[in-house]
Every structure is written in C-alpha cells, then in structure tokens.
C-alpha cells in the first residue's frame, strides 16, 4: 500500500477524525516506497550501471544478504566522492565510462539493458583464464581494470559493512584471548573474522 493513498482514503472516509490506535497500526503496516538513490559522484545512468553490476557480483542468497541489501553501490559512490583525490576520481569515472561503452546501450539508456548484457560483459572480462588476465594487464585494458577494481572495491565494502561484519562474519568486539596455531574451522566454524 502507498502511504499517501491510505492517508487520503482515511481522511475522506473518517472525515478527518482524530487517529485512534487501530488507525495508527494501519499506518505502521504500510510500506513506504524505497528512496531513489541520487549518486554524489556518478551520473544517474552510471549509478544504475554500477548498481546492476554489483548486484550480479554479490547477489542475495538464502543465507546472506546481497550487496544491494547493505547499500554497497551507495557507499562506493559516497566513498569515491569524499575520499578519492582528483586523479583517483578521474580514473574511477573513466573506468565507468569505458564499461558503459562496452555495453549495448540504446537510446533508452542503461535502464533498458538486461541482466544477460551485464553477465556477458562480466564473463568476458572476469571469468577468464590466467593467460587472458595477463594479456589484459599487459595491454592495460581499461574495461578489465575498471571491472576488477569495481569488484574488489565492492567486496571490500560488503565485508566491512556493519551488518555483514556483525551478523555474517565472526565478530568479537572485545577479543578475550589469543589462540595460536588453531585452524579456522576449530576457532570460528570456518567463518572469516570481521575486522
């Protein structure tokens, strides 16, 4: 339900009466529409591109939230706009621009791309053999470097998010003792530590 339509309907049907507890509980059951993300550094089209790529790179599973659930694209954009120096910002934006040039974008823009378009791009540049990776690095292939950096940046942001750090990884805010030469399986059940 949309909150605005409920308020409008209640106002008309109740004659703008004072809200009762049952009406208040109705308000709480309504879900608001998600806010539209307005990127700080990226353009809107670039923001859509980054969001779709990161969603494929770090999707939601039964056991873990996806990168979109912990706002990784929003964090990356904000981090790049606040922390990167001018040269790093220029490299980041140039990489995103080169990625956009590799995709079959029509007059309808990035929003018209399908998941298969993104998946094909990621398969072409990231699901490759070591020899091909070395060729891309030797050629200084901008798309390969941009996608690799975006993936690494997204994984870092995902693993350092509060929800993932506290609820998915092993989290101990006050470490008690040091145990040397203990396997990860024995110490944490096979899960990585949150830093």
Protein backbone atom coordinates (compact mmCIF):
# COMPACT_ATOMS: atom_id res chain seq x y z
CA UNK A 1 0.00 0.00 0.00
CA UNK A 2 1.13 3.52 -0.61
CA UNK A 3 1.09 5.70 2.47
CA UNK A 4 -0.22 8.72 0.58
CA UNK A 5 -3.24 6.86 -0.82
CA UNK A 6 -4.04 5.41 2.63
CA UNK A 7 -3.88 8.84 4.24
CA UNK A 8 -6.06 10.30 1.53
CA UNK A 9 -8.61 7.47 1.80
CA UNK A 10 -8.70 7.61 5.60
CA UNK A 11 -9.09 11.35 5.57
CA UNK A 12 -12.06 11.12 3.25
CA UNK A 13 -13.71 8.14 4.92
CA UNK A 14 -13.20 9.28 8.51
CA UNK A 15 -13.99 12.90 7.86
CA UNK A 16 -10.52 13.89 9.10
CA UNK A 17 -11.23 12.35 12.52
CA UNK A 18 -8.62 12.04 15.22
CA UNK A 19 -6.47 8.95 14.76
CA UNK A 20 -7.23 6.01 17.03
CA UNK A 21 -4.82 3.19 17.95
CA UNK A 22 -6.28 0.94 15.26
CA UNK A 23 -5.75 3.61 12.62
CA UNK A 24 -2.19 4.13 13.82
CA UNK A 25 -1.49 0.41 13.48
CA UNK A 26 -2.76 0.62 9.91
CA UNK A 27 -0.24 3.38 9.20
CA UNK A 28 2.57 1.23 10.56
CA UNK A 29 1.62 -1.71 8.36
CA UNK A 30 2.07 0.36 5.21
CA UNK A 31 5.37 0.09 3.43
CA UNK A 32 6.91 3.23 2.08
CA UNK A 33 8.40 3.21 -1.36
CA UNK A 34 12.19 2.89 -1.34
CA UNK A 35 14.05 6.14 -1.68
CA UNK A 36 15.52 6.87 -5.05
CA UNK A 37 19.29 6.92 -4.80
CA UNK A 38 20.82 10.14 -6.07
CA UNK A 39 24.52 9.49 -6.68
CA UNK A 40 27.02 12.06 -5.38
CA UNK A 41 29.80 11.46 -7.92
CA UNK A 42 28.28 9.26 -10.61
CA UNK A 43 25.59 10.31 -13.04
CA UNK A 44 22.20 8.65 -12.68
CA UNK A 45 22.95 6.32 -15.64
CA UNK A 46 26.35 5.40 -14.19
CA UNK A 47 24.69 4.76 -10.83
CA UNK A 48 22.23 2.32 -12.45
CA UNK A 49 25.13 0.60 -14.21
CA UNK A 50 27.17 0.24 -11.00
CA UNK A 51 24.14 -0.98 -9.06
CA UNK A 52 23.30 -3.66 -11.64
CA UNK A 53 26.90 -4.86 -11.94
CA UNK A 54 27.36 -5.09 -8.17
CA UNK A 55 24.05 -6.93 -7.80
CA UNK A 56 25.34 -9.62 -10.16
CA UNK A 57 28.77 -9.73 -8.50
CA UNK A 58 27.39 -10.05 -4.94
CA UNK A 59 23.81 -11.35 -5.17
CA UNK A 60 21.47 -12.14 -2.32
CA UNK A 61 21.38 -15.79 -1.25
CA UNK A 62 19.26 -17.76 1.20
CA UNK A 63 21.87 -17.31 3.93
CA UNK A 64 23.36 -13.90 3.20
CA UNK A 65 22.11 -10.51 2.10
CA UNK A 66 23.28 -9.17 -1.23
CA UNK A 67 25.39 -6.09 -1.84
CA UNK A 68 22.27 -4.05 -2.58
CA UNK A 69 20.81 -5.02 0.81
CA UNK A 70 23.75 -3.39 2.60
CA UNK A 71 23.91 -0.38 0.24
CA UNK A 72 27.28 -1.15 -1.34
CA UNK A 73 26.73 0.95 -4.52
CA UNK A 74 25.67 3.95 -2.47
CA UNK A 75 28.70 3.54 -0.20
CA UNK A 76 31.10 3.22 -3.16
CA UNK A 77 29.75 6.39 -4.76
CA UNK A 78 29.94 8.34 -1.50
CA UNK A 79 33.40 6.98 -0.67
CA UNK A 80 34.73 7.88 -4.13
CA UNK A 81 33.24 11.37 -3.93
CA UNK A 82 34.59 12.11 -0.43
CA UNK A 83 37.89 10.20 -0.21
CA UNK A 84 39.37 9.94 -3.70
CA UNK A 85 41.74 12.65 -4.84
CA UNK A 86 41.26 14.25 -8.25
CA UNK A 87 43.39 11.68 -10.10
CA UNK A 88 41.65 8.70 -8.47
CA UNK A 89 38.24 10.24 -9.17
CA UNK A 90 39.17 10.77 -12.81
CA UNK A 91 40.38 7.14 -13.15
CA UNK A 92 37.22 5.82 -11.47
CA UNK A 93 34.89 7.83 -13.72
CA UNK A 94 36.91 6.99 -16.83
CA UNK A 95 36.65 3.29 -15.98
CA UNK A 96 32.87 3.50 -15.53
CA UNK A 97 32.62 5.38 -18.83
CA UNK A 98 34.64 2.68 -20.62
CA UNK A 99 32.42 -0.03 -19.13
CA UNK A 100 29.37 1.81 -20.46
CA UNK A 101 30.91 1.94 -23.94
CA UNK A 102 31.29 -1.88 -23.90
CA UNK A 103 27.58 -2.45 -23.26
CA UNK A 104 24.89 -2.39 -25.99
CA UNK A 105 23.22 0.78 -24.70
CA UNK A 106 20.40 2.09 -26.91
CA UNK A 107 18.52 5.39 -26.87
CA UNK A 108 16.53 4.01 -23.92
CA UNK A 109 19.65 4.17 -21.77
CA UNK A 110 21.18 1.83 -19.21
CA UNK A 111 17.80 1.00 -17.68
CA UNK A 112 16.86 -0.94 -20.83
CA UNK A 113 19.81 -3.33 -20.51
CA UNK A 114 19.05 -6.88 -19.48
CA UNK A 115 20.84 -8.98 -16.89
CA UNK A 116 22.32 -11.05 -19.72
CA UNK A 117 24.06 -7.94 -21.10
CA UNK A 118 25.81 -7.34 -17.79
CA UNK A 119 26.53 -11.04 -17.30
CA UNK A 120 28.09 -11.30 -20.76
CA UNK A 121 30.38 -8.37 -20.01
CA UNK A 122 31.44 -9.83 -16.66
CA UNK A 123 32.03 -13.27 -18.19
CA UNK A 124 34.13 -11.75 -20.99
CA UNK A 125 36.41 -9.80 -18.66
CA UNK A 126 36.34 -11.52 -15.26
CA UNK A 127 35.66 -15.23 -15.88
CA UNK A 128 38.86 -15.76 -17.81
CA UNK A 129 41.99 -17.85 -17.65
CA UNK A 130 45.20 -16.59 -16.12
CA UNK A 131 46.80 -16.16 -19.56
CA UNK A 132 44.00 -13.86 -20.75
CA UNK A 133 44.18 -11.88 -17.49
CA UNK A 134 47.90 -11.31 -18.09
CA UNK A 135 47.19 -10.15 -21.66
CA UNK A 136 44.61 -7.63 -20.40
CA UNK A 137 47.06 -6.36 -17.80
CA UNK A 138 49.87 -6.08 -20.34
CA UNK A 139 47.59 -4.17 -22.72
CA UNK A 140 46.36 -2.05 -19.79
CA UNK A 141 42.79 -2.81 -20.86
CA UNK A 142 40.73 -0.10 -19.18
CA UNK A 143 37.49 -2.11 -19.02
CA UNK A 144 39.23 -5.10 -17.43
CA UNK A 145 40.98 -2.90 -14.87
CA UNK A 146 37.79 -0.95 -14.11
CA UNK A 147 35.71 -4.11 -13.62
CA UNK A 148 38.40 -5.72 -11.48
CA UNK A 149 38.68 -2.60 -9.32
CA UNK A 150 34.90 -2.30 -9.04
CA UNK A 151 34.64 -5.94 -7.97
CA UNK A 152 37.44 -5.61 -5.41
CA UNK A 153 36.03 -2.32 -4.09
CA UNK A 154 32.53 -3.84 -3.81
CA UNK A 155 33.78 -6.94 -1.96
CA UNK A 156 35.74 -4.74 0.46
CA UNK A 157 32.70 -2.52 1.08
CA UNK A 158 30.45 -5.55 1.50
CA UNK A 159 32.74 -7.26 4.02
CA UNK A 160 33.25 -4.07 6.02
CA UNK A 161 29.56 -3.18 6.24
CA UNK A 162 28.13 -3.29 9.75
CA UNK A 163 25.51 -5.96 9.05
CA UNK A 164 27.94 -8.35 7.37
CA UNK A 165 30.64 -7.71 9.97
CA UNK A 166 28.39 -8.33 12.95
CA UNK A 167 25.93 -10.94 11.66
CA UNK A 168 27.66 -12.94 8.92
CA UNK A 169 31.37 -12.89 9.74
CA UNK A 170 32.73 -13.81 13.16
CA UNK A 171 32.56 -10.69 15.32
CA UNK A 172 34.10 -10.24 18.74
CA UNK A 173 34.08 -6.59 19.85
CA UNK A 174 36.29 -7.36 22.85
CA UNK A 175 38.69 -10.18 21.98
CA UNK A 176 39.45 -12.18 25.09
CA UNK A 177 42.36 -14.47 24.41
CA UNK A 178 44.93 -15.25 21.77
CA UNK A 179 45.00 -18.78 20.41
CA UNK A 180 47.95 -19.59 18.20
CA UNK A 181 48.10 -22.40 15.64
CA UNK A 182 44.37 -23.11 15.71
CA UNK A 183 42.57 -23.96 12.48
CA UNK A 184 39.86 -21.58 11.25
CA UNK A 185 37.36 -24.43 11.41
CA UNK A 186 38.12 -25.05 15.07
CA UNK A 187 38.25 -21.37 16.06
CA UNK A 188 35.22 -19.97 14.19
CA UNK A 189 33.42 -22.82 12.49
CA UNK A 190 35.10 -21.94 9.17
CA UNK A 191 33.89 -18.35 9.03
CA UNK A 192 36.24 -15.41 8.49
CA UNK A 193 36.81 -12.81 11.17
CA UNK A 194 35.26 -9.39 10.93
CA UNK A 195 37.84 -6.66 11.42
